[in-house]
Amino acid sequence: MSLADRIISHIKTSHSLYIMCHIPLFCWITATVLQDILIKNREETISTTLTEMYIHFLLIQMNIKSQKYDVKSEREYTENLDSNRTMILKLAKLAFEQLKKKNIVFCEKDLKACGIIVSKDTEFTGMIAEIFKKENGLHDKKVFSFVHLSVQEFLAAVHVFLCYLNKNMQELQFFFDKPEEKSTSQERQFFFDKPEENSTLQELLQKAVDKAMESKRGHLDLFLRFLMGITLESSQNLLQGLITHTEDTTESIRQTTQYIKQVLNSYSISDEASVNLFYCLLELKDRSLYEEIQKYLSSDAHPGRDLSSSMCTVLITVLLMSEKVLDEFNPKRFTSPSNYKRLIPAVRCCRKALFDGCGLDETCCETVSSALQSSDSHLRELDLSRNHLQDTGVKLLYDGLKSSHCQLEILRFSICNLTTPSCESLSSVLQSSNSRLKELDLTNNDLEDSGVKLLSDGLKINCNLEILRLSGCMVTEEGCG
């Protein structure tokens, strides 16, 4: 297997890395790091979290800087970290201070506040040039930024963890501050106070989880993943030289993973927050939740307990990322009726989807239509009976049903509040050369004779339909004719 194939294969098996591959800079970082691990260190297997990926990238850039600008031979990573420690700490502080303010572009005074003197050009060469840049803004005013927001978020997490290790708790007041406004949907009770010098890592991480979920923009999500990853012993070992002493974080990590699982299983939080907390668990190398969901998906039996709304979101995330195709998907196996709509994206990953009586409305049809238009659409049978789809829902499905990628053979619309206009849309679908429909169930909808007349036009040309159900559709002798 070629080096490129091995790298791509690894990325596909690592959910926390694969989700980042829409970012070109991350793909470059990944290629740089994995190439170094596979070739230089002759590793046969790769086990790299997102955080470890960025740590390795930092180490590689420092080594390049050492050889190119310091005219020194390759040195140990620990030695490189120690020699560049002052500048990295300044950048890390800048990253955190500006992340708190939601800033991604900085001015000279922002740098000066963190001890960075712009006039020293040497500070913007080598390793620094790869992670930090300066440009001309309006009126030739110098502006600065990290090469990508993810680099800023990573360094901000480094700063926070170092502050904790050094018991510089005043720097961490941000996490203990009371939120400006509390979401009415949040069921948990938050307690905010001043961090004490003996505050535990567990307390800090839980406060960071709460703080990230307060953000409506999610600007702390990736930072939180990096912060979790840095606490691991493996990450601390990689950062020796920058970190003056390590700490046994085993118990704090165990308590934090339990807290995250409690939030995912018990509370109503946004879909984005649910997914991010799931990735935080992977960053902590806790795959228990991932493995539990895999069992849910691989068994035909009821999983034993209803999934919370947050866990439904995580289940869909795992299913979509795994590229696994289920023979059958029935939301009633997993959760209570209030969460059925959350599982509609599963139509992308199954051959048979049973969403009958799931409280769906016309908006869900957009998701289904998009899935049918996908180049890797697998859906053969779809049951949407006993849902309030109405004619607007069928109209939204129209593009998907006519798509050349659509593989659908059985479609059920029984008791969906459909009327004559739906028949016009379906007639056009039946006439399409792309249509593979063999069975169409329209029972117990108010189609009437006018609707059947429209359908008959579709039955005459290019139609592959073998079964058409019209029972209870108010059809008279005229319609039969």
Protein backbone atom coordinates (compact mmCIF):
# COMPACT_ATOMS: atom_id res chain seq x y z
CA MET A 1 0.00 0.00 0.00
CA SER A 2 1.36 3.45 -0.93
CA LEU A 3 2.03 6.12 1.67
CA ALA A 4 -0.89 8.22 0.42
CA ASP A 5 -3.24 5.24 0.63
CA ARG A 6 -2.13 4.50 4.21
CA ILE A 7 -2.69 8.11 5.24
CA ILE A 8 -6.15 8.28 3.65
CA SER A 9 -7.09 4.91 5.15
CA HIS A 10 -6.13 6.12 8.62
CA ILE A 11 -8.06 9.38 8.22
CA LYS A 12 -11.23 7.48 7.27
CA THR A 13 -11.04 5.32 10.40
CA SER A 14 -10.57 8.30 12.72
CA HIS A 15 -13.84 10.21 13.10
CA SER A 16 -12.22 13.14 14.91
CA LEU A 17 -9.78 13.66 12.02
CA TYR A 18 -12.12 12.85 9.12
CA ILE A 19 -14.60 15.54 10.18
CA MET A 20 -11.85 18.17 9.80
CA CYS A 21 -10.86 17.29 6.23
CA HIS A 22 -13.05 20.00 4.68
CA ILE A 23 -10.32 22.43 5.83
CA PRO A 24 -7.46 22.57 3.25
CA LEU A 25 -4.90 23.66 5.85
CA PHE A 26 -5.81 20.71 8.07
CA CYS A 27 -5.24 18.33 5.14
CA TRP A 28 -1.75 19.84 4.76
CA ILE A 29 -1.07 19.48 8.50
CA THR A 30 -2.30 15.88 8.40
CA ALA A 31 -0.14 14.96 5.42
CA THR A 32 2.90 16.62 7.02
CA VAL A 33 2.47 14.84 10.34
CA LEU A 34 1.50 11.38 9.14
CA GLN A 35 4.25 11.35 6.55
CA ASP A 36 6.74 12.13 9.32
CA ILE A 37 5.31 9.39 11.57
CA LEU A 38 5.18 6.74 8.85
CA ILE A 39 8.51 7.41 7.14
CA LYS A 40 10.86 9.10 9.55
CA ASN A 41 9.82 7.16 12.65
CA ARG A 42 8.99 4.02 10.63
CA GLU A 43 5.76 3.49 12.52
CA GLU A 44 3.66 0.58 11.32
CA THR A 45 0.49 1.70 13.09
CA ILE A 46 -0.90 5.17 13.69
CA SER A 47 -2.88 6.22 16.72
CA THR A 48 -3.21 9.97 16.60
CA THR A 49 -5.92 12.19 18.04
CA LEU A 50 -6.66 15.62 16.63
CA THR A 51 -4.71 17.22 19.51
CA GLU A 52 -1.71 14.95 19.00
CA MET A 53 -1.80 15.83 15.30
CA TYR A 54 -1.39 19.54 16.08
CA ILE A 55 1.29 18.86 18.69
CA HIS A 56 3.27 16.82 16.16
CA PHE A 57 2.85 19.62 13.62
CA LEU A 58 4.23 22.15 16.12
CA LEU A 59 7.22 19.89 16.84
CA ILE A 60 7.95 19.37 13.13
CA GLN A 61 7.86 23.11 12.42
CA MET A 62 10.22 23.80 15.29
CA ASN A 63 12.66 21.23 13.96
CA ILE A 64 12.55 22.80 10.50
CA LYS A 65 13.17 26.22 12.06
CA SER A 66 16.09 24.85 14.06
CA GLN A 67 17.81 23.50 10.96
CA LYS A 68 17.00 26.36 8.58
CA TYR A 69 17.35 29.49 10.71
CA ASP A 70 19.38 28.43 13.73
CA VAL A 71 21.76 26.46 11.48
CA LYS A 72 21.66 23.54 13.87
CA SER A 73 21.34 19.86 13.19
CA GLU A 74 18.17 18.02 14.08
CA ARG A 75 17.55 18.15 17.82
CA GLU A 76 15.34 16.29 20.25
CA TYR A 77 11.78 17.60 20.36
CA THR A 78 12.10 18.35 24.08
CA GLU A 79 15.15 20.52 23.43
CA ASN A 80 13.38 22.32 20.60
CA LEU A 81 10.35 23.04 22.77
CA ASP A 82 12.53 24.36 25.55
CA SER A 83 14.50 26.67 23.24
CA ASN A 84 11.33 28.10 21.71
CA ARG A 85 9.31 28.05 24.93
CA THR A 86 9.16 31.81 25.49
CA MET A 87 7.75 32.62 22.05
CA ILE A 88 5.28 29.73 22.09
CA LEU A 89 3.95 30.83 25.48
CA LYS A 90 3.46 34.39 24.19
CA LEU A 91 1.56 33.15 21.13
CA ALA A 92 -0.51 30.79 23.27
CA LYS A 93 -1.50 33.62 25.60
CA LEU A 94 -2.39 35.81 22.60
CA ALA A 95 -4.47 32.97 21.13
CA PHE A 96 -6.50 32.55 24.33
CA GLU A 97 -6.99 36.25 25.04
CA GLN A 98 -8.27 36.89 21.53
CA LEU A 99 -10.39 33.72 21.43
CA LYS A 100 -12.23 34.93 24.52
CA LYS A 101 -13.04 38.13 22.60
CA LYS A 102 -13.98 36.11 19.48
CA ASN A 103 -11.22 37.87 17.51
CA ILE A 104 -9.30 36.19 14.70
CA VAL A 105 -7.45 39.30 13.48
CA PHE A 106 -5.27 41.32 15.86
CA CYS A 107 -3.44 44.63 15.90
CA GLU A 108 0.00 45.51 17.22
CA LYS A 109 -1.24 46.52 20.67
CA ASP A 110 -2.83 43.08 21.12
CA LEU A 111 0.56 41.48 20.49
CA LYS A 112 2.34 43.91 22.76
CA ALA A 113 -0.07 43.09 25.60
CA CYS A 114 1.21 39.49 25.38
CA GLY A 115 4.88 40.49 25.21
CA ILE A 116 5.35 40.14 21.46
CA ILE A 117 7.45 42.94 19.93
CA VAL A 118 6.62 43.35 16.25
CA SER A 119 9.85 45.16 15.40
CA LYS A 120 11.83 41.97 16.04
CA ASP A 121 11.54 40.35 12.62
CA THR A 122 13.22 37.19 13.87
CA GLU A 123 10.07 36.43 15.81
CA PHE A 124 8.17 36.02 12.54
CA THR A 125 10.51 33.61 10.79
CA GLY A 126 10.82 29.85 10.70
CA MET A 127 8.30 28.02 12.85
CA ILE A 128 6.41 31.23 13.64
CA ALA A 129 5.89 31.99 9.95
CA GLU A 130 4.09 28.66 9.56
CA ILE A 131 1.57 29.33 12.33
CA PHE A 132 1.37 33.14 12.51
CA LYS A 133 1.28 35.81 9.81
CA LYS A 134 1.19 39.56 9.38
CA GLU A 135 -0.45 41.46 6.55
CA ASN A 136 -1.17 45.01 5.45
CA GLY A 137 -4.64 46.14 6.48
CA LEU A 138 -6.42 49.41 5.71
CA HIS A 139 -4.11 52.40 5.29
CA ASP A 140 -1.10 50.04 5.41
CA LYS A 141 -1.80 49.28 9.04
CA LYS A 142 -0.25 45.98 10.10
CA VAL A 143 -2.71 43.27 11.13
CA PHE A 144 -1.94 39.80 12.44
CA SER A 145 -3.61 36.41 12.59
CA PHE A 146 -2.87 32.72 12.95
CA VAL A 147 -2.70 30.81 9.68
CA HIS A 148 -6.01 29.16 10.61
CA LEU A 149 -8.51 29.50 13.43
CA SER A 150 -7.83 25.89 14.46
CA VAL A 151 -4.19 26.79 15.18
CA GLN A 152 -5.38 29.65 17.41
CA GLU A 153 -7.79 27.30 19.19
CA PHE A 154 -5.04 24.72 19.72
CA LEU A 155 -2.59 27.22 21.19
CA ALA A 156 -5.34 28.71 23.38
CA ALA A 157 -5.88 25.24 24.85
CA VAL A 158 -2.14 24.90 25.47
CA HIS A 159 -2.21 28.20 27.38
CA VAL A 160 -5.16 27.14 29.55
CA PHE A 161 -3.61 23.80 30.49
CA LEU A 162 -0.27 25.42 31.32
CA CYS A 163 -2.06 27.97 33.51
CA TYR A 164 -3.70 25.09 35.35
CA LEU A 165 -0.42 23.19 35.80
CA ASN A 166 1.28 26.34 37.10
CA LYS A 167 -1.72 27.14 39.34
CA ASN A 168 -2.12 30.50 37.62
CA MET A 169 -5.86 30.27 38.25
CA GLN A 170 -6.55 33.99 37.85
CA GLU A 171 -5.97 33.54 34.12
CA LEU A 172 -8.79 31.00 34.11
CA GLN A 173 -11.46 33.24 35.65
CA PHE A 174 -13.15 33.27 32.23
CA PHE A 175 -14.46 29.75 32.80
CA PHE A 176 -15.83 30.50 36.25
CA ASP A 177 -17.67 33.72 35.32
CA LYS A 178 -21.46 33.72 35.39
CA PRO A 179 -22.98 33.58 31.87
CA GLU A 180 -24.49 36.79 30.51
CA GLU A 181 -27.79 35.08 29.82
CA LYS A 182 -28.95 31.59 30.61
CA SER A 183 -30.74 29.53 27.99
CA THR A 184 -34.29 28.67 29.02
CA SER A 185 -33.83 25.24 27.46
CA GLN A 186 -30.92 24.45 29.73
CA GLU A 187 -32.05 22.19 32.54
CA ARG A 188 -28.77 22.04 34.45
CA GLN A 189 -27.94 24.35 37.32
CA PHE A 190 -24.63 26.15 36.90
CA PHE A 191 -22.52 27.36 39.82
CA PHE A 192 -19.99 30.10 39.16
CA ASP A 193 -17.37 31.25 41.59
CA LYS A 194 -13.74 32.21 41.73
CA PRO A 195 -11.23 29.50 40.89
CA GLU A 196 -9.15 28.49 43.88
CA GLU A 197 -5.48 27.62 43.71
CA ASN A 198 -6.38 24.04 44.59
CA SER A 199 -9.14 23.80 41.97
CA THR A 200 -8.95 20.40 40.30
CA LEU A 201 -8.55 19.68 36.61
CA GLN A 202 -11.94 18.00 36.72
CA GLU A 203 -13.55 21.26 37.88
CA LEU A 204 -11.80 23.24 35.15
CA LEU A 205 -12.79 20.83 32.40
CA GLN A 206 -16.43 20.73 33.50
CA LYS A 207 -16.53 24.54 33.61
CA ALA A 208 -15.00 24.58 30.12
CA VAL A 209 -17.71 22.17 28.88
CA ASP A 210 -20.42 24.43 30.31
CA LYS A 211 -18.79 27.56 28.88
CA ALA A 212 -18.53 26.05 25.40
CA MET A 213 -22.20 25.08 25.42
CA GLU A 214 -23.22 28.61 26.38
CA SER A 215 -21.78 29.95 23.13
CA LYS A 216 -24.48 30.29 20.48
CA ARG A 217 -21.81 30.55 17.78
CA GLY A 218 -19.90 27.52 19.04
CA HIS A 219 -16.64 29.50 18.98
CA LEU A 220 -15.19 27.39 21.81
CA ASP A 221 -16.08 23.97 20.40
CA LEU A 222 -12.78 23.04 18.78
CA PHE A 223 -10.85 24.71 21.61
CA LEU A 224 -12.67 22.41 24.04
CA ARG A 225 -11.64 19.34 22.04
CA PHE A 226 -8.01 20.46 22.09
CA LEU A 227 -8.18 21.17 25.84
CA MET A 228 -9.48 17.68 26.49
CA GLY A 229 -6.78 16.13 24.32
CA ILE A 230 -3.92 18.03 25.94
CA THR A 231 -4.76 16.60 29.37
CA LEU A 232 -3.86 13.07 28.24
CA GLU A 233 -0.58 11.64 29.46
CA SER A 234 0.49 11.00 25.85
CA SER A 235 -0.01 14.68 24.96
CA GLN A 236 1.82 15.87 28.08
CA ASN A 237 4.76 13.65 27.19
CA LEU A 238 4.91 15.10 23.68
CA LEU A 239 4.94 18.63 25.12
CA GLN A 240 7.78 18.06 27.59
CA GLY A 241 10.11 21.00 27.31
CA LEU A 242 7.16 23.34 27.04
CA ILE A 243 5.52 21.75 30.07
CA THR A 244 7.91 21.89 33.03
CA HIS A 245 6.11 19.15 34.93
CA THR A 246 3.37 16.65 34.16
CA GLU A 247 0.40 15.59 36.22
CA ASP A 248 -1.48 12.34 36.58
CA THR A 249 -4.86 13.22 35.08
CA THR A 250 -6.38 9.73 35.00
CA GLU A 251 -9.04 10.34 37.64
CA SER A 252 -9.94 13.82 36.34
CA ILE A 253 -10.36 12.39 32.83
CA ARG A 254 -12.56 9.57 34.15
CA GLN A 255 -14.79 12.05 35.99
CA THR A 256 -14.93 14.35 32.97
CA THR A 257 -15.97 11.58 30.59
CA GLN A 258 -18.73 10.61 33.02
CA TYR A 259 -19.90 14.23 33.15
CA ILE A 260 -19.98 14.49 29.35
CA LYS A 261 -21.96 11.25 29.06
CA GLN A 262 -24.39 12.49 31.70
CA VAL A 263 -24.98 15.66 29.67
CA LEU A 264 -25.49 13.68 26.45
CA ASN A 265 -27.86 11.21 28.07
CA SER A 266 -29.90 13.53 30.24
CA TYR A 267 -30.13 17.07 28.93
CA SER A 268 -31.52 18.92 25.96
CA ILE A 269 -28.66 20.67 24.18
CA SER A 270 -28.11 21.81 20.61
CA ASP A 271 -27.19 19.31 17.90
CA GLU A 272 -23.85 21.06 17.42
CA ALA A 273 -23.02 20.80 21.13
CA SER A 274 -24.00 17.11 21.18
CA VAL A 275 -21.68 16.28 18.30
CA ASN A 276 -18.82 18.31 19.78
CA LEU A 277 -19.11 16.56 23.15
CA PHE A 278 -19.00 13.22 21.34
CA TYR A 279 -15.76 14.29 19.65
CA CYS A 280 -14.43 15.45 23.04
CA LEU A 281 -14.85 11.86 24.26
CA LEU A 282 -12.89 10.57 21.27
CA GLU A 283 -10.21 13.16 22.00
CA LEU A 284 -9.98 11.72 25.51
CA LYS A 285 -9.61 8.29 23.84
CA ASP A 286 -12.90 7.13 25.32
CA ARG A 287 -14.65 5.06 22.64
CA SER A 288 -17.29 3.51 24.88
CA LEU A 289 -20.10 5.71 23.56
CA TYR A 290 -19.03 5.08 19.98
CA GLU A 291 -18.98 1.34 20.56
CA GLU A 292 -22.38 1.47 22.29
CA ILE A 293 -23.92 3.20 19.29
CA GLN A 294 -22.34 0.66 16.95
CA LYS A 295 -24.13 -2.07 18.91
CA TYR A 296 -27.42 -0.17 18.52
CA LEU A 297 -26.90 -0.06 14.76
CA SER A 298 -25.75 -3.65 14.32
CA SER A 299 -28.57 -5.34 16.25
CA ASP A 300 -32.21 -5.85 15.29
CA ALA A 301 -33.26 -5.99 18.93
CA HIS A 302 -34.36 -2.97 20.95
CA PRO A 303 -31.22 -1.43 22.47
CA GLY A 304 -32.71 -1.59 25.96
CA ARG A 305 -33.24 2.09 26.59
CA ASP A 306 -34.54 5.05 24.61
CA LEU A 307 -31.86 7.38 23.33
CA SER A 308 -32.01 11.02 24.42
CA SER A 309 -32.32 13.73 21.78
CA SER A 310 -28.58 14.41 22.07
CA MET A 311 -27.73 10.75 21.67
CA CYS A 312 -29.96 10.54 18.58
CA THR A 313 -27.86 13.31 17.05
CA VAL A 314 -24.68 11.43 17.91
CA LEU A 315 -26.09 8.20 16.44
CA ILE A 316 -26.79 9.94 13.13
CA THR A 317 -23.30 11.49 13.16
CA VAL A 318 -21.67 8.08 13.66
CA LEU A 319 -23.85 6.51 10.96
CA LEU A 320 -23.12 9.20 8.37
CA MET A 321 -19.39 9.19 9.10
CA SER A 322 -19.01 5.41 9.05
CA GLU A 323 -20.31 5.01 5.48
CA LYS A 324 -22.12 1.93 6.79
CA VAL A 325 -25.30 0.94 4.91
CA LEU A 326 -28.10 -0.60 6.99
CA ASP A 327 -30.54 -3.04 5.48
CA GLU A 328 -33.36 -1.47 7.50
CA PHE A 329 -33.74 1.61 9.68
CA ASN A 330 -36.69 2.04 12.02
CA PRO A 331 -36.54 5.04 14.40
CA LYS A 332 -38.99 3.37 16.78
CA ARG A 333 -36.21 1.00 17.80
CA PHE A 334 -34.07 3.78 19.21
CA THR A 335 -36.03 6.55 20.87
CA SER A 336 -39.34 8.13 21.86
CA PRO A 337 -41.73 9.80 19.34
CA SER A 338 -40.50 13.31 20.18
CA ASN A 339 -37.09 12.47 18.67
CA TYR A 340 -38.11 10.62 15.49
CA LYS A 341 -37.55 13.68 13.30
CA ARG A 342 -33.92 13.87 14.45
CA LEU A 343 -33.27 10.50 12.83
CA ILE A 344 -34.56 11.33 9.34
CA PRO A 345 -30.99 11.85 7.95
CA ALA A 346 -30.58 8.05 8.30
CA VAL A 347 -32.31 7.73 4.89
CA ARG A 348 -28.86 8.41 3.43
CA CYS A 349 -27.45 5.24 4.94
CA CYS A 350 -30.08 2.51 4.57
CA ARG A 351 -31.87 0.45 1.94
CA LYS A 352 -35.20 0.39 3.76
CA ALA A 353 -36.50 3.28 5.91
CA LEU A 354 -39.65 2.86 8.00
CA PHE A 355 -40.78 6.32 9.11
CA ASP A 356 -44.51 5.57 9.18
CA GLY A 357 -46.39 7.43 11.92
CA CYS A 358 -43.32 9.36 13.08
CA GLY A 359 -44.84 12.84 13.29
CA LEU A 360 -42.96 14.13 10.24
CA ASP A 361 -43.99 17.25 8.36
CA GLU A 362 -43.19 18.63 4.93
CA THR A 363 -39.83 20.08 6.06
CA CYS A 364 -38.48 16.54 6.52
CA CYS A 365 -39.04 15.91 2.82
CA GLU A 366 -36.13 18.24 1.97
CA THR A 367 -33.74 15.91 3.78
CA VAL A 368 -35.20 12.87 2.03
CA SER A 369 -35.06 14.55 -1.38
CA SER A 370 -31.40 15.48 -0.86
CA ALA A 371 -30.60 11.87 0.08
CA LEU A 372 -32.31 10.55 -3.06
CA GLN A 373 -30.21 12.90 -5.19
CA SER A 374 -26.95 11.75 -3.62
CA SER A 375 -24.59 9.92 -5.96
CA ASP A 376 -24.30 7.11 -3.42
CA SER A 377 -28.03 6.82 -2.67
CA HIS A 378 -28.93 3.33 -1.37
CA LEU A 379 -32.61 3.76 -0.50
CA ARG A 380 -34.88 1.15 -2.12
CA GLU A 381 -37.96 1.25 0.12
CA LEU A 382 -39.40 4.27 1.96
CA ASP A 383 -42.49 4.30 4.17
CA LEU A 384 -43.74 7.81 5.04
CA SER A 385 -47.31 6.79 5.82
CA ARG A 386 -49.36 8.50 8.54
CA ASN A 387 -47.32 11.71 8.49
CA HIS A 388 -48.58 15.26 7.85
CA LEU A 389 -46.61 15.75 4.62
CA GLN A 390 -49.31 17.43 2.53
CA ASP A 391 -48.90 18.41 -1.11
CA THR A 392 -45.97 20.72 -0.27
CA GLY A 393 -44.05 17.72 1.06
CA VAL A 394 -44.53 15.74 -2.14
CA LYS A 395 -43.46 18.79 -4.14
CA LEU A 396 -40.24 18.96 -2.10
CA LEU A 397 -39.62 15.26 -2.81
CA TYR A 398 -40.10 15.79 -6.55
CA ASP A 399 -36.46 16.58 -7.43
CA GLY A 400 -35.20 13.62 -5.46
CA LEU A 401 -37.65 11.18 -7.04
CA LYS A 402 -36.73 12.32 -10.57
CA SER A 403 -32.98 12.23 -9.94
CA SER A 404 -30.86 9.84 -11.99
CA HIS A 405 -29.30 8.70 -8.69
CA CYS A 406 -32.63 7.73 -7.12
CA GLN A 407 -32.87 3.95 -6.53
CA LEU A 408 -36.30 3.96 -4.88
CA GLU A 409 -38.60 1.07 -5.82
CA ILE A 410 -41.26 1.15 -3.08
CA LEU A 411 -42.85 4.38 -1.79
CA ARG A 412 -45.70 4.56 0.73
CA PHE A 413 -47.76 7.73 1.33
CA SER A 414 -50.83 6.31 3.08
CA ILE A 415 -52.76 8.90 5.16
CA CYS A 416 -50.43 11.85 4.42
CA ASN A 417 -53.11 14.53 3.76
CA LEU A 418 -52.41 14.53 0.04
CA THR A 419 -54.79 15.98 -2.54
CA THR A 420 -54.92 16.44 -6.34
CA PRO A 421 -51.73 18.59 -6.69
CA SER A 422 -49.62 15.69 -5.32
CA CYS A 423 -50.86 13.55 -8.20
CA GLU A 424 -49.49 16.03 -10.71
CA SER A 425 -46.02 15.81 -9.15
CA LEU A 426 -46.13 12.02 -8.92
CA SER A 427 -47.40 11.69 -12.50
CA SER A 428 -44.36 13.57 -13.74
CA VAL A 429 -42.10 11.31 -11.67
CA LEU A 430 -43.69 8.16 -13.13
CA GLN A 431 -43.10 9.46 -16.66
CA SER A 432 -39.41 10.10 -15.95
CA SER A 433 -36.99 7.68 -17.59
CA ASN A 434 -35.06 7.72 -14.30
CA SER A 435 -37.96 6.40 -12.22
CA ARG A 436 -37.53 2.88 -10.82
CA LEU A 437 -40.75 2.89 -8.78
CA LYS A 438 -42.51 -0.48 -8.79
CA GLU A 439 -44.93 0.10 -5.92
CA LEU A 440 -46.76 3.30 -4.94
CA ASP A 441 -49.15 3.38 -1.99
CA LEU A 442 -51.49 6.41 -1.87
CA THR A 443 -54.30 4.91 0.22
CA ASN A 444 -56.58 7.10 2.33
CA ASN A 445 -55.73 10.47 0.76
CA ASP A 446 -58.28 12.85 -0.78
CA LEU A 447 -57.09 12.46 -4.36
CA GLU A 448 -60.55 12.13 -5.95
CA ASP A 449 -61.16 11.52 -9.64
CA SER A 450 -59.27 14.64 -10.67
CA GLY A 451 -56.13 13.31 -9.00
CA VAL A 452 -56.50 9.87 -10.58
CA LYS A 453 -56.88 11.49 -13.99
CA LEU A 454 -53.52 13.23 -13.51
CA LEU A 455 -51.93 9.98 -12.37
CA SER A 456 -53.20 8.15 -15.45
CA ASP A 457 -51.04 10.35 -17.66
CA GLY A 458 -47.99 9.16 -15.76
CA LEU A 459 -49.02 5.52 -16.10
CA LYS A 460 -49.00 5.65 -19.88
CA ILE A 461 -45.39 6.56 -20.67
CA ASN A 462 -42.13 4.96 -19.44
CA CYS A 463 -43.92 3.70 -16.33
CA ASN A 464 -42.40 0.72 -14.49
CA LEU A 465 -45.07 0.64 -11.79
CA GLU A 466 -46.42 -2.80 -10.88
CA ILE A 467 -48.57 -1.99 -7.82
CA LEU A 468 -50.68 1.17 -7.28
CA ARG A 469 -52.82 1.44 -4.15
CA LEU A 470 -55.71 3.93 -4.20
CA SER A 471 -58.06 2.51 -1.55
CA GLY A 472 -59.95 5.19 0.35
CA CYS A 473 -59.00 7.98 -2.08
CA MET A 474 -62.59 9.05 -2.90
CA VAL A 475 -62.34 7.59 -6.41
CA THR A 476 -65.66 7.02 -8.26
CA GLU A 477 -66.55 5.16 -11.41
CA GLU A 478 -65.17 8.07 -13.42
CA GLY A 479 -61.77 7.64 -11.82
CA CYS A 480 -61.77 3.92 -12.57
CA GLY A 481 -62.49 4.71 -16.18
